[in-house]
Amino acid sequence: MTELILASHNAHKLSEFRAIVAQALPLARLEEYEGPAPIESGVTFVENALIKARAAVAQDGRPAFADDSGIAVDVLGGSPGIFSARWGGAQAGDEFNRRLLLEQLADVPDEHRGAEFVAAIALVVPSTDGAAPREHTVVGRWPGTIARAEHGTGGFGYDPIFVPDGFEVTSAELTAQQKNELSHRARAFRALVPILIEEFGS
């Protein structure tokens, strides 16, 4: 059985990734990373995902995934972006971050409330022959708009204020199955599947 590490201490992400991995690699086992969290000093989602995956491999020795994700709002020039989790400050939680973003967009008309969820996934596979680890990265994007108020209780983060293209409800109102099929992480992971098959077999 292939054992993979998810370089995250976020229980919501672990649950989502386990569901996605189970579909793509039914014989794989995804375990939570138990080591210290590295400093995410990158300036892009891809850089931060690589930092976390590399740290997990260095600590644990097994192949590791990491994702870095957030929401990018058009009229804010792509912000909050990599600062999504800390948009309201280092100690702010999801609810505060959502409320702050809604306040910042209060006067923005509907036609200019475009946004997208972005997820970068890094896979780092340690070498068995002393060579450098193999590194792979993919990016998934989920376009939509920012709602004017929160709706729904599912998901986490900015889900209650994000309306995916093609829907009239927020991603927090979708079923877990719908989100696992449509989300930015799901899209990124689908792009990674051929790499996983090449690395670990089908």
N, C-alpha and C. Protein backbone atom coordinates (compact mmCIF):
# COMPACT_ATOMS: atom_id res chain seq x y z
N MET A 1 0.84 -1.20 0.00
CA MET A 1 0.00 0.00 0.00
C MET A 1 0.88 1.25 0.00
N THR A 2 0.54 2.19 -0.86
CA THR A 2 1.26 3.46 -0.91
C THR A 2 0.86 4.33 0.27
N GLU A 3 1.84 4.82 1.01
CA GLU A 3 1.56 5.71 2.13
C GLU A 3 2.02 7.11 1.77
N LEU A 4 1.10 8.06 1.90
CA LEU A 4 1.38 9.45 1.60
C LEU A 4 1.09 10.30 2.83
N ILE A 5 1.81 11.40 2.93
CA ILE A 5 1.61 12.32 4.04
C ILE A 5 0.97 13.61 3.50
N LEU A 6 -0.04 14.10 4.21
CA LEU A 6 -0.57 15.41 3.88
C LEU A 6 0.06 16.42 4.82
N ALA A 7 0.84 17.33 4.26
CA ALA A 7 1.57 18.30 5.09
C ALA A 7 0.66 19.44 5.49
N SER A 8 -0.25 19.12 6.39
CA SER A 8 -1.18 20.12 6.90
C SER A 8 -1.71 19.67 8.25
N HIS A 9 -2.01 20.64 9.10
CA HIS A 9 -2.66 20.33 10.37
C HIS A 9 -4.12 20.75 10.34
N ASN A 10 -4.63 21.00 9.14
CA ASN A 10 -6.01 21.44 8.96
C ASN A 10 -6.90 20.22 8.76
N ALA A 11 -7.76 19.95 9.74
CA ALA A 11 -8.62 18.76 9.70
C ALA A 11 -9.58 18.80 8.52
N HIS A 12 -10.05 19.99 8.14
CA HIS A 12 -10.97 20.10 7.01
C HIS A 12 -10.28 19.69 5.71
N LYS A 13 -9.04 20.15 5.53
CA LYS A 13 -8.30 19.79 4.32
C LYS A 13 -8.00 18.29 4.30
N LEU A 14 -7.66 17.73 5.45
CA LEU A 14 -7.37 16.30 5.51
C LEU A 14 -8.58 15.49 5.08
N SER A 15 -9.75 15.89 5.55
CA SER A 15 -10.98 15.19 5.18
C SER A 15 -11.23 15.28 3.69
N GLU A 16 -11.09 16.48 3.12
CA GLU A 16 -11.30 16.66 1.69
C GLU A 16 -10.29 15.85 0.88
N PHE A 17 -9.03 15.92 1.26
CA PHE A 17 -8.00 15.22 0.51
C PHE A 17 -8.18 13.71 0.59
N ARG A 18 -8.57 13.21 1.74
CA ARG A 18 -8.79 11.76 1.86
C ARG A 18 -9.88 11.29 0.90
N ALA A 19 -10.94 12.09 0.79
CA ALA A 19 -12.02 11.71 -0.12
C ALA A 19 -11.55 11.74 -1.57
N ILE A 20 -10.76 12.73 -1.91
CA ILE A 20 -10.26 12.85 -3.28
C ILE A 20 -9.25 11.75 -3.59
N VAL A 21 -8.33 11.49 -2.65
CA VAL A 21 -7.32 10.45 -2.86
C VAL A 21 -7.97 9.08 -2.98
N ALA A 22 -9.03 8.85 -2.20
CA ALA A 22 -9.71 7.55 -2.25
C ALA A 22 -10.28 7.26 -3.63
N GLN A 23 -10.70 8.31 -4.33
CA GLN A 23 -11.24 8.12 -5.67
C GLN A 23 -10.14 7.83 -6.68
N ALA A 24 -9.02 8.52 -6.54
CA ALA A 24 -7.95 8.38 -7.54
C ALA A 24 -7.01 7.21 -7.26
N LEU A 25 -6.69 6.99 -5.99
CA LEU A 25 -5.77 5.92 -5.59
C LEU A 25 -6.40 5.13 -4.45
N PRO A 26 -7.33 4.23 -4.77
CA PRO A 26 -8.06 3.52 -3.71
C PRO A 26 -7.18 2.68 -2.79
N LEU A 27 -6.00 2.33 -3.22
CA LEU A 27 -5.11 1.51 -2.39
C LEU A 27 -4.11 2.34 -1.60
N ALA A 28 -4.19 3.65 -1.75
CA ALA A 28 -3.26 4.52 -1.03
C ALA A 28 -3.84 4.91 0.33
N ARG A 29 -2.95 5.22 1.25
CA ARG A 29 -3.36 5.68 2.58
C ARG A 29 -2.76 7.05 2.82
N LEU A 30 -3.62 8.00 3.13
CA LEU A 30 -3.18 9.38 3.37
C LEU A 30 -3.20 9.65 4.86
N GLU A 31 -2.04 10.03 5.39
CA GLU A 31 -1.92 10.28 6.82
C GLU A 31 -1.57 11.75 7.07
N GLU A 32 -1.96 12.23 8.23
CA GLU A 32 -1.68 13.62 8.59
C GLU A 32 -0.23 13.79 9.02
N TYR A 33 0.35 14.88 8.62
CA TYR A 33 1.71 15.24 9.01
C TYR A 33 1.72 15.64 10.49
N GLU A 34 2.66 15.09 11.24
CA GLU A 34 2.70 15.35 12.68
C GLU A 34 3.89 16.21 13.10
N GLY A 35 4.64 16.67 12.14
CA GLY A 35 5.81 17.48 12.47
C GLY A 35 5.49 18.96 12.60
N PRO A 36 6.50 19.76 12.84
CA PRO A 36 6.29 21.21 13.01
C PRO A 36 5.94 21.87 11.67
N ALA A 37 5.12 22.90 11.74
CA ALA A 37 4.74 23.63 10.54
C ALA A 37 5.87 24.58 10.13
N PRO A 38 6.29 24.54 8.88
CA PRO A 38 7.36 25.44 8.44
C PRO A 38 6.84 26.86 8.25
N ILE A 39 7.74 27.80 8.15
CA ILE A 39 7.36 29.18 7.85
C ILE A 39 7.04 29.28 6.36
N GLU A 40 5.85 29.73 6.05
CA GLU A 40 5.42 29.84 4.66
C GLU A 40 5.88 31.19 4.11
N SER A 41 7.10 31.20 3.63
CA SER A 41 7.72 32.45 3.20
C SER A 41 7.62 32.69 1.70
N GLY A 42 6.91 31.83 0.98
CA GLY A 42 6.77 32.01 -0.45
C GLY A 42 5.86 33.17 -0.79
N VAL A 43 5.93 33.61 -2.04
CA VAL A 43 5.08 34.72 -2.49
C VAL A 43 4.02 34.25 -3.47
N THR A 44 3.96 32.93 -3.71
CA THR A 44 2.91 32.35 -4.54
C THR A 44 2.37 31.10 -3.86
N PHE A 45 1.20 30.65 -4.32
CA PHE A 45 0.63 29.42 -3.79
C PHE A 45 1.57 28.24 -4.03
N VAL A 46 2.16 28.19 -5.21
CA VAL A 46 3.05 27.07 -5.56
C VAL A 46 4.26 27.04 -4.63
N GLU A 47 4.88 28.20 -4.39
CA GLU A 47 6.06 28.24 -3.53
C GLU A 47 5.72 27.77 -2.11
N ASN A 48 4.60 28.20 -1.58
CA ASN A 48 4.23 27.80 -0.22
C ASN A 48 3.89 26.32 -0.14
N ALA A 49 3.24 25.79 -1.17
CA ALA A 49 2.94 24.36 -1.18
C ALA A 49 4.22 23.54 -1.18
N LEU A 50 5.20 23.96 -1.95
CA LEU A 50 6.48 23.26 -1.99
C LEU A 50 7.20 23.33 -0.66
N ILE A 51 7.17 24.48 -0.02
CA ILE A 51 7.82 24.62 1.28
C ILE A 51 7.25 23.61 2.27
N LYS A 52 5.94 23.46 2.30
CA LYS A 52 5.30 22.55 3.25
C LYS A 52 5.58 21.08 2.90
N ALA A 53 5.50 20.74 1.61
CA ALA A 53 5.75 19.35 1.22
C ALA A 53 7.21 18.96 1.48
N ARG A 54 8.14 19.85 1.17
CA ARG A 54 9.55 19.56 1.42
C ARG A 54 9.83 19.36 2.90
N ALA A 55 9.19 20.18 3.73
CA ALA A 55 9.39 20.06 5.18
C ALA A 55 8.87 18.72 5.70
N ALA A 56 7.73 18.28 5.17
CA ALA A 56 7.17 17.01 5.61
C ALA A 56 8.06 15.84 5.21
N VAL A 57 8.59 15.88 3.99
CA VAL A 57 9.50 14.81 3.53
C VAL A 57 10.77 14.80 4.38
N ALA A 58 11.31 15.96 4.66
CA ALA A 58 12.53 16.04 5.47
C ALA A 58 12.30 15.50 6.88
N GLN A 59 11.11 15.71 7.41
CA GLN A 59 10.80 15.27 8.77
C GLN A 59 10.40 13.81 8.83
N ASP A 60 9.60 13.37 7.84
CA ASP A 60 8.99 12.04 7.91
C ASP A 60 9.66 11.00 7.02
N GLY A 61 10.14 11.44 5.86
CA GLY A 61 10.82 10.52 4.96
C GLY A 61 9.93 9.88 3.91
N ARG A 62 8.62 10.00 4.06
CA ARG A 62 7.70 9.42 3.08
C ARG A 62 7.25 10.49 2.08
N PRO A 63 6.72 10.07 0.91
CA PRO A 63 6.21 11.06 -0.04
C PRO A 63 5.16 11.94 0.62
N ALA A 64 5.15 13.20 0.27
CA ALA A 64 4.24 14.13 0.93
C ALA A 64 3.56 15.06 -0.07
N PHE A 65 2.28 15.29 0.21
CA PHE A 65 1.50 16.31 -0.47
C PHE A 65 1.47 17.55 0.39
N ALA A 66 1.28 18.67 -0.24
CA ALA A 66 0.89 19.88 0.49
C ALA A 66 0.11 20.74 -0.47
N ASP A 67 -0.82 21.48 0.05
CA ASP A 67 -1.51 22.44 -0.79
C ASP A 67 -1.42 23.81 -0.15
N ASP A 68 -1.48 24.80 -0.98
CA ASP A 68 -1.65 26.16 -0.49
C ASP A 68 -2.77 26.74 -1.32
N SER A 69 -3.74 27.29 -0.66
CA SER A 69 -4.93 27.70 -1.38
C SER A 69 -5.52 28.96 -0.76
N GLY A 70 -6.37 29.60 -1.52
CA GLY A 70 -7.02 30.79 -1.03
C GLY A 70 -7.96 31.33 -2.06
N ILE A 71 -8.49 32.50 -1.78
CA ILE A 71 -9.44 33.12 -2.68
C ILE A 71 -8.81 34.38 -3.27
N ALA A 72 -9.02 34.58 -4.55
CA ALA A 72 -8.48 35.74 -5.25
C ALA A 72 -9.64 36.53 -5.82
N VAL A 73 -9.77 37.78 -5.40
CA VAL A 73 -10.88 38.64 -5.81
C VAL A 73 -10.40 39.62 -6.88
N ASP A 74 -11.14 39.69 -7.96
CA ASP A 74 -10.70 40.48 -9.12
C ASP A 74 -10.44 41.94 -8.76
N VAL A 75 -11.41 42.60 -8.12
CA VAL A 75 -11.26 44.04 -7.86
C VAL A 75 -10.22 44.34 -6.80
N LEU A 76 -9.76 43.31 -6.11
CA LEU A 76 -8.69 43.50 -5.13
C LEU A 76 -7.34 43.09 -5.70
N GLY A 77 -7.27 42.94 -7.01
CA GLY A 77 -6.01 42.60 -7.65
C GLY A 77 -5.51 41.21 -7.33
N GLY A 78 -6.43 40.31 -7.02
CA GLY A 78 -6.05 38.94 -6.69
C GLY A 78 -5.91 38.67 -5.21
N SER A 79 -6.08 39.69 -4.39
CA SER A 79 -6.08 39.49 -2.93
C SER A 79 -7.45 38.94 -2.49
N PRO A 80 -7.52 38.30 -1.34
CA PRO A 80 -6.48 38.06 -0.35
C PRO A 80 -5.35 37.13 -0.81
N GLY A 81 -5.59 36.25 -1.78
CA GLY A 81 -4.54 35.40 -2.30
C GLY A 81 -3.87 34.56 -1.24
N ILE A 82 -2.53 34.59 -1.22
CA ILE A 82 -1.80 33.74 -0.26
C ILE A 82 -2.02 34.17 1.18
N PHE A 83 -2.63 35.34 1.37
CA PHE A 83 -2.92 35.83 2.72
C PHE A 83 -4.35 35.54 3.15
N SER A 84 -5.05 34.68 2.42
CA SER A 84 -6.47 34.42 2.69
C SER A 84 -6.73 34.03 4.13
N ALA A 85 -5.93 33.12 4.68
CA ALA A 85 -6.17 32.64 6.04
C ALA A 85 -5.85 33.69 7.09
N ARG A 86 -5.08 34.71 6.71
CA ARG A 86 -4.65 35.74 7.66
C ARG A 86 -5.14 37.12 7.24
N TRP A 87 -6.19 37.18 6.45
CA TRP A 87 -6.64 38.44 5.88
C TRP A 87 -7.01 39.46 6.95
N GLY A 88 -7.60 39.00 8.03
CA GLY A 88 -7.99 39.90 9.10
C GLY A 88 -6.94 40.03 10.20
N GLY A 89 -5.76 39.48 9.96
CA GLY A 89 -4.72 39.49 10.98
C GLY A 89 -4.36 38.08 11.39
N ALA A 90 -3.22 37.93 12.02
CA ALA A 90 -2.70 36.60 12.35
C ALA A 90 -3.64 35.80 13.25
N GLN A 91 -4.40 36.50 14.10
CA GLN A 91 -5.27 35.80 15.05
C GLN A 91 -6.72 35.70 14.56
N ALA A 92 -7.01 36.23 13.39
CA ALA A 92 -8.39 36.23 12.90
C ALA A 92 -8.81 34.84 12.46
N GLY A 93 -10.07 34.53 12.66
CA GLY A 93 -10.62 33.25 12.23
C GLY A 93 -11.40 33.41 10.93
N ASP A 94 -11.96 32.30 10.46
CA ASP A 94 -12.68 32.30 9.19
C ASP A 94 -13.82 33.31 9.17
N GLU A 95 -14.60 33.34 10.24
CA GLU A 95 -15.77 34.23 10.27
C GLU A 95 -15.34 35.70 10.15
N PHE A 96 -14.31 36.08 10.87
CA PHE A 96 -13.84 37.46 10.81
C PHE A 96 -13.32 37.79 9.41
N ASN A 97 -12.58 36.86 8.81
CA ASN A 97 -12.04 37.08 7.47
C ASN A 97 -13.15 37.28 6.45
N ARG A 98 -14.21 36.46 6.56
CA ARG A 98 -15.32 36.60 5.63
C ARG A 98 -16.02 37.95 5.81
N ARG A 99 -16.25 38.30 7.06
CA ARG A 99 -16.94 39.55 7.34
C ARG A 99 -16.14 40.75 6.83
N LEU A 100 -14.83 40.71 7.02
CA LEU A 100 -13.97 41.78 6.54
C LEU A 100 -14.03 41.90 5.02
N LEU A 101 -13.97 40.76 4.33
CA LEU A 101 -14.00 40.79 2.87
C LEU A 101 -15.34 41.33 2.37
N LEU A 102 -16.43 40.92 3.00
CA LEU A 102 -17.75 41.43 2.60
C LEU A 102 -17.83 42.94 2.81
N GLU A 103 -17.27 43.42 3.90
CA GLU A 103 -17.27 44.87 4.16
C GLU A 103 -16.46 45.61 3.10
N GLN A 104 -15.34 45.03 2.71
CA GLN A 104 -14.49 45.68 1.71
C GLN A 104 -15.16 45.74 0.34
N LEU A 105 -16.06 44.80 0.09
CA LEU A 105 -16.73 44.74 -1.21
C LEU A 105 -18.16 45.26 -1.15
N ALA A 106 -18.53 45.88 -0.05
CA ALA A 106 -19.93 46.29 0.15
C ALA A 106 -20.46 47.17 -0.97
N ASP A 107 -19.66 48.08 -1.51
CA ASP A 107 -20.11 49.00 -2.54
C ASP A 107 -19.78 48.54 -3.95
N VAL A 108 -19.24 47.35 -4.09
CA VAL A 108 -18.88 46.84 -5.41
C VAL A 108 -20.10 46.20 -6.06
N PRO A 109 -20.48 46.64 -7.26
CA PRO A 109 -21.67 46.08 -7.92
C PRO A 109 -21.48 44.61 -8.29
N ASP A 110 -22.59 43.93 -8.48
CA ASP A 110 -22.57 42.49 -8.73
C ASP A 110 -21.67 42.10 -9.90
N GLU A 111 -21.68 42.92 -10.95
CA GLU A 111 -20.92 42.55 -12.15
C GLU A 111 -19.42 42.65 -11.97
N HIS A 112 -18.99 43.21 -10.85
CA HIS A 112 -17.55 43.33 -10.59
C HIS A 112 -17.11 42.54 -9.35
N ARG A 113 -17.90 41.55 -8.98
CA ARG A 113 -17.58 40.77 -7.78
C ARG A 113 -16.96 39.41 -8.12
N GLY A 114 -16.35 39.34 -9.29
CA GLY A 114 -15.72 38.10 -9.72
C GLY A 114 -14.58 37.68 -8.80
N ALA A 115 -14.42 36.39 -8.64
CA ALA A 115 -13.36 35.84 -7.79
C ALA A 115 -13.10 34.41 -8.20
N GLU A 116 -12.06 33.85 -7.68
CA GLU A 116 -11.80 32.43 -7.89
C GLU A 116 -11.06 31.86 -6.70
N PHE A 117 -11.39 30.61 -6.38
CA PHE A 117 -10.59 29.86 -5.44
C PHE A 117 -9.41 29.29 -6.22
N VAL A 118 -8.23 29.33 -5.63
CA VAL A 118 -7.02 28.81 -6.27
C VAL A 118 -6.35 27.82 -5.32
N ALA A 119 -5.93 26.70 -5.84
CA ALA A 119 -5.20 25.72 -5.04
C ALA A 119 -3.98 25.24 -5.81
N ALA A 120 -2.84 25.31 -5.16
CA ALA A 120 -1.62 24.71 -5.70
C ALA A 120 -1.32 23.48 -4.86
N ILE A 121 -1.04 22.37 -5.51
CA ILE A 121 -0.66 21.15 -4.81
C ILE A 121 0.75 20.78 -5.21
N ALA A 122 1.55 20.50 -4.21
CA ALA A 122 2.92 20.04 -4.45
C ALA A 122 3.03 18.60 -3.96
N LEU A 123 3.68 17.78 -4.75
CA LEU A 123 4.01 16.41 -4.36
C LEU A 123 5.53 16.28 -4.39
N VAL A 124 6.08 15.87 -3.26
CA VAL A 124 7.53 15.67 -3.17
C VAL A 124 7.78 14.20 -2.85
N VAL A 125 8.55 13.54 -3.69
CA VAL A 125 8.81 12.10 -3.56
C VAL A 125 10.29 11.90 -3.29
N PRO A 126 10.65 11.42 -2.11
CA PRO A 126 12.08 11.22 -1.81
C PRO A 126 12.68 10.13 -2.70
N SER A 127 13.93 10.30 -3.05
CA SER A 127 14.63 9.33 -3.87
C SER A 127 15.22 8.23 -2.99
N THR A 128 15.31 7.04 -3.54
CA THR A 128 15.89 5.92 -2.79
C THR A 128 17.36 5.69 -3.14
N ASP A 129 17.87 6.48 -4.08
CA ASP A 129 19.26 6.27 -4.51
C ASP A 129 20.16 7.45 -4.20
N GLY A 130 19.72 8.31 -3.30
CA GLY A 130 20.54 9.44 -2.91
C GLY A 130 20.39 10.66 -3.78
N ALA A 131 19.62 10.56 -4.84
CA ALA A 131 19.39 11.71 -5.70
C ALA A 131 18.42 12.68 -5.03
N ALA A 132 18.28 13.83 -5.63
CA ALA A 132 17.36 14.84 -5.08
C ALA A 132 15.92 14.34 -5.18
N PRO A 133 15.09 14.73 -4.24
CA PRO A 133 13.67 14.34 -4.32
C PRO A 133 13.04 14.84 -5.62
N ARG A 134 12.07 14.10 -6.10
CA ARG A 134 11.32 14.52 -7.29
C ARG A 134 10.17 15.42 -6.83
N GLU A 135 9.99 16.54 -7.52
CA GLU A 135 8.98 17.51 -7.12
C GLU A 135 8.02 17.79 -8.28
N HIS A 136 6.74 17.80 -7.96
CA HIS A 136 5.71 18.06 -8.95
C HIS A 136 4.74 19.09 -8.38
N THR A 137 4.26 19.99 -9.21
CA THR A 137 3.26 20.96 -8.77
C THR A 137 2.17 21.12 -9.83
N VAL A 138 0.96 21.34 -9.36
CA VAL A 138 -0.18 21.60 -10.25
C VAL A 138 -1.03 22.69 -9.59
N VAL A 139 -1.84 23.34 -10.40
CA VAL A 139 -2.71 24.40 -9.89
C VAL A 139 -4.13 24.18 -10.39
N GLY A 140 -5.10 24.34 -9.50
CA GLY A 140 -6.51 24.25 -9.86
C GLY A 140 -7.22 25.56 -9.55
N ARG A 141 -8.14 25.97 -10.41
CA ARG A 141 -8.88 27.22 -10.23
C ARG A 141 -10.38 26.95 -10.32
N TRP A 142 -11.14 27.61 -9.44
CA TRP A 142 -12.59 27.43 -9.38
C TRP A 142 -13.21 28.82 -9.45
N PRO A 143 -13.66 29.26 -10.63
CA PRO A 143 -14.16 30.62 -10.77
C PRO A 143 -15.57 30.80 -10.21
N GLY A 144 -15.86 32.03 -9.82
CA GLY A 144 -17.18 32.34 -9.30
C GLY A 144 -17.29 33.81 -8.96
N THR A 145 -18.15 34.11 -8.02
CA THR A 145 -18.35 35.48 -7.57
C THR A 145 -18.49 35.51 -6.04
N ILE A 146 -18.35 36.70 -5.48
CA ILE A 146 -18.52 36.87 -4.05
C ILE A 146 -19.96 37.29 -3.76
N ALA A 147 -20.64 36.55 -2.91
CA ALA A 147 -22.02 36.85 -2.54
C ALA A 147 -22.04 38.12 -1.69
N ARG A 148 -23.26 38.61 -1.41
CA ARG A 148 -23.39 39.81 -0.59
C ARG A 148 -23.61 39.48 0.89
N ALA A 149 -23.85 38.21 1.17
CA ALA A 149 -24.03 37.77 2.56
C ALA A 149 -23.68 36.30 2.64
N GLU A 150 -23.46 35.83 3.84
CA GLU A 150 -23.11 34.42 4.03
C GLU A 150 -24.34 33.53 3.88
N HIS A 151 -24.12 32.37 3.27
CA HIS A 151 -25.17 31.38 3.13
C HIS A 151 -24.55 29.99 3.25
N GLY A 152 -25.20 29.11 3.98
CA GLY A 152 -24.74 27.73 4.07
C GLY A 152 -23.84 27.48 5.25
N THR A 153 -23.79 26.23 5.65
CA THR A 153 -23.00 25.84 6.82
C THR A 153 -21.95 24.80 6.50
N GLY A 154 -21.87 24.37 5.24
CA GLY A 154 -20.87 23.37 4.88
C GLY A 154 -19.54 24.02 4.55
N GLY A 155 -18.53 23.18 4.35
CA GLY A 155 -17.22 23.69 3.97
C GLY A 155 -16.57 24.47 5.09
N PHE A 156 -15.65 25.36 4.71
CA PHE A 156 -14.92 26.16 5.68
C PHE A 156 -14.32 27.35 4.96
N GLY A 157 -13.61 28.19 5.68
CA GLY A 157 -12.98 29.34 5.04
C GLY A 157 -13.99 30.27 4.40
N TYR A 158 -13.79 30.57 3.14
CA TYR A 158 -14.63 31.53 2.42
C TYR A 158 -15.81 30.86 1.71
N ASP A 159 -16.01 29.58 1.92
CA ASP A 159 -17.11 28.87 1.25
C ASP A 159 -18.47 29.55 1.38
N PRO A 160 -18.84 30.06 2.56
CA PRO A 160 -20.19 30.64 2.69
C PRO A 160 -20.42 31.93 1.90
N ILE A 161 -19.37 32.52 1.32
CA ILE A 161 -19.58 33.75 0.54
C ILE A 161 -19.14 33.59 -0.91
N PHE A 162 -18.80 32.38 -1.32
CA PHE A 162 -18.33 32.14 -2.69
C PHE A 162 -19.40 31.39 -3.47
N VAL A 163 -19.85 32.00 -4.57
CA VAL A 163 -20.84 31.37 -5.45
C VAL A 163 -20.13 30.88 -6.70
N PRO A 164 -19.99 29.58 -6.88
CA PRO A 164 -19.28 29.06 -8.06
C PRO A 164 -20.04 29.37 -9.34
N ASP A 165 -19.32 29.59 -10.41
CA ASP A 165 -19.95 29.78 -11.72
C ASP A 165 -20.88 28.61 -12.01
N GLY A 166 -22.07 28.94 -12.52
CA GLY A 166 -23.04 27.91 -12.86
C GLY A 166 -23.98 27.55 -11.73
N PHE A 167 -23.78 28.17 -10.57
CA PHE A 167 -24.64 27.89 -9.41
C PHE A 167 -25.25 29.19 -8.90
N GLU A 168 -26.34 29.05 -8.16
CA GLU A 168 -26.98 30.19 -7.50
C GLU A 168 -26.87 30.05 -5.99
N VAL A 169 -26.05 29.11 -5.54
CA VAL A 169 -25.82 28.89 -4.11
C VAL A 169 -24.32 28.97 -3.86
N THR A 170 -23.96 29.17 -2.60
CA THR A 170 -22.54 29.22 -2.26
C THR A 170 -21.96 27.82 -2.19
N SER A 171 -20.64 27.75 -2.17
CA SER A 171 -20.00 26.44 -2.06
C SER A 171 -20.26 25.81 -0.70
N ALA A 172 -20.66 26.62 0.29
CA ALA A 172 -21.02 26.08 1.60
C ALA A 172 -22.38 25.40 1.57
N GLU A 173 -23.15 25.61 0.48
CA GLU A 173 -24.46 24.98 0.34
C GLU A 173 -24.42 23.75 -0.57
N LEU A 174 -23.27 23.48 -1.14
CA LEU A 174 -23.12 22.28 -1.96
C LEU A 174 -22.94 21.06 -1.06
N THR A 175 -23.22 19.89 -1.60
CA THR A 175 -22.94 18.67 -0.84
C THR A 175 -21.44 18.42 -0.84
N ALA A 176 -20.99 17.61 0.09
CA ALA A 176 -19.57 17.28 0.15
C ALA A 176 -19.12 16.62 -1.15
N GLN A 177 -19.98 15.79 -1.72
CA GLN A 177 -19.64 15.12 -2.97
C GLN A 177 -19.49 16.12 -4.11
N GLN A 178 -20.42 17.08 -4.19
CA GLN A 178 -20.31 18.11 -5.22
C GLN A 178 -19.02 18.90 -5.09
N LYS A 179 -18.71 19.29 -3.86
CA LYS A 179 -17.51 20.09 -3.65
C LYS A 179 -16.26 19.28 -3.98
N ASN A 180 -16.24 18.01 -3.61
CA ASN A 180 -15.08 17.18 -3.89
C ASN A 180 -14.87 16.96 -5.39
N GLU A 181 -15.93 17.13 -6.16
CA GLU A 181 -15.82 16.98 -7.61
C GLU A 181 -15.48 18.29 -8.31
N LEU A 182 -15.89 19.42 -7.72
CA LEU A 182 -15.81 20.70 -8.41
C LEU A 182 -14.75 21.65 -7.88
N SER A 183 -14.31 21.46 -6.66
CA SER A 183 -13.47 22.46 -6.00
C SER A 183 -12.13 22.67 -6.68
N HIS A 184 -11.49 23.75 -6.29
CA HIS A 184 -10.15 24.07 -6.79
C HIS A 184 -9.16 22.97 -6.43
N ARG A 185 -9.30 22.40 -5.21
CA ARG A 185 -8.40 21.31 -4.83
C ARG A 185 -8.67 20.07 -5.68
N ALA A 186 -9.95 19.79 -5.95
CA ALA A 186 -10.28 18.64 -6.78
C ALA A 186 -9.73 18.81 -8.20
N ARG A 187 -9.82 20.02 -8.72
CA ARG A 187 -9.31 20.28 -10.06
C ARG A 187 -7.79 20.14 -10.10
N ALA A 188 -7.14 20.64 -9.08
CA ALA A 188 -5.68 20.50 -9.02
C ALA A 188 -5.30 19.04 -8.89
N PHE A 189 -6.04 18.32 -8.06
CA PHE A 189 -5.69 16.92 -7.84
C PHE A 189 -5.89 16.10 -9.11
N ARG A 190 -6.94 16.40 -9.87
CA ARG A 190 -7.14 15.68 -11.13
C ARG A 190 -5.96 15.89 -12.06
N ALA A 191 -5.40 17.09 -12.03
CA ALA A 191 -4.21 17.35 -12.86
C ALA A 191 -3.00 16.57 -12.36
N LEU A 192 -3.04 16.21 -11.08
CA LEU A 192 -1.91 15.49 -10.49
C LEU A 192 -2.03 13.97 -10.67
N VAL A 193 -3.23 13.49 -10.98
CA VAL A 193 -3.45 12.04 -11.07
C VAL A 193 -2.47 11.34 -12.02
N PRO A 194 -2.25 11.85 -13.25
CA PRO A 194 -1.27 11.17 -14.13
C PRO A 194 0.11 11.08 -13.50
N ILE A 195 0.49 12.09 -12.73
CA ILE A 195 1.79 12.07 -12.05
C ILE A 195 1.81 11.01 -10.95
N LEU A 196 0.71 10.91 -10.21
CA LEU A 196 0.61 9.89 -9.18
C LEU A 196 0.70 8.48 -9.76
N ILE A 197 0.02 8.29 -10.87
CA ILE A 197 0.05 6.97 -11.52
C ILE A 197 1.46 6.65 -11.98
N GLU A 198 2.14 7.65 -12.52
CA GLU A 198 3.53 7.43 -12.97
C GLU A 198 4.44 7.12 -11.78
N GLU A 199 4.22 7.81 -10.65
CA GLU A 199 5.07 7.62 -9.47
C GLU A 199 4.75 6.34 -8.70
N PHE A 200 3.45 6.06 -8.54
CA PHE A 200 3.05 4.98 -7.63
C PHE A 200 2.23 3.87 -8.26
N GLY A 201 1.91 3.98 -9.54
CA GLY A 201 1.09 2.97 -10.18
C GLY A 201 -0.37 3.28 -10.00
N SER A 202 -1.21 2.65 -10.79
CA SER A 202 -2.66 2.94 -10.76
C SER A 202 -3.29 2.26 -9.55
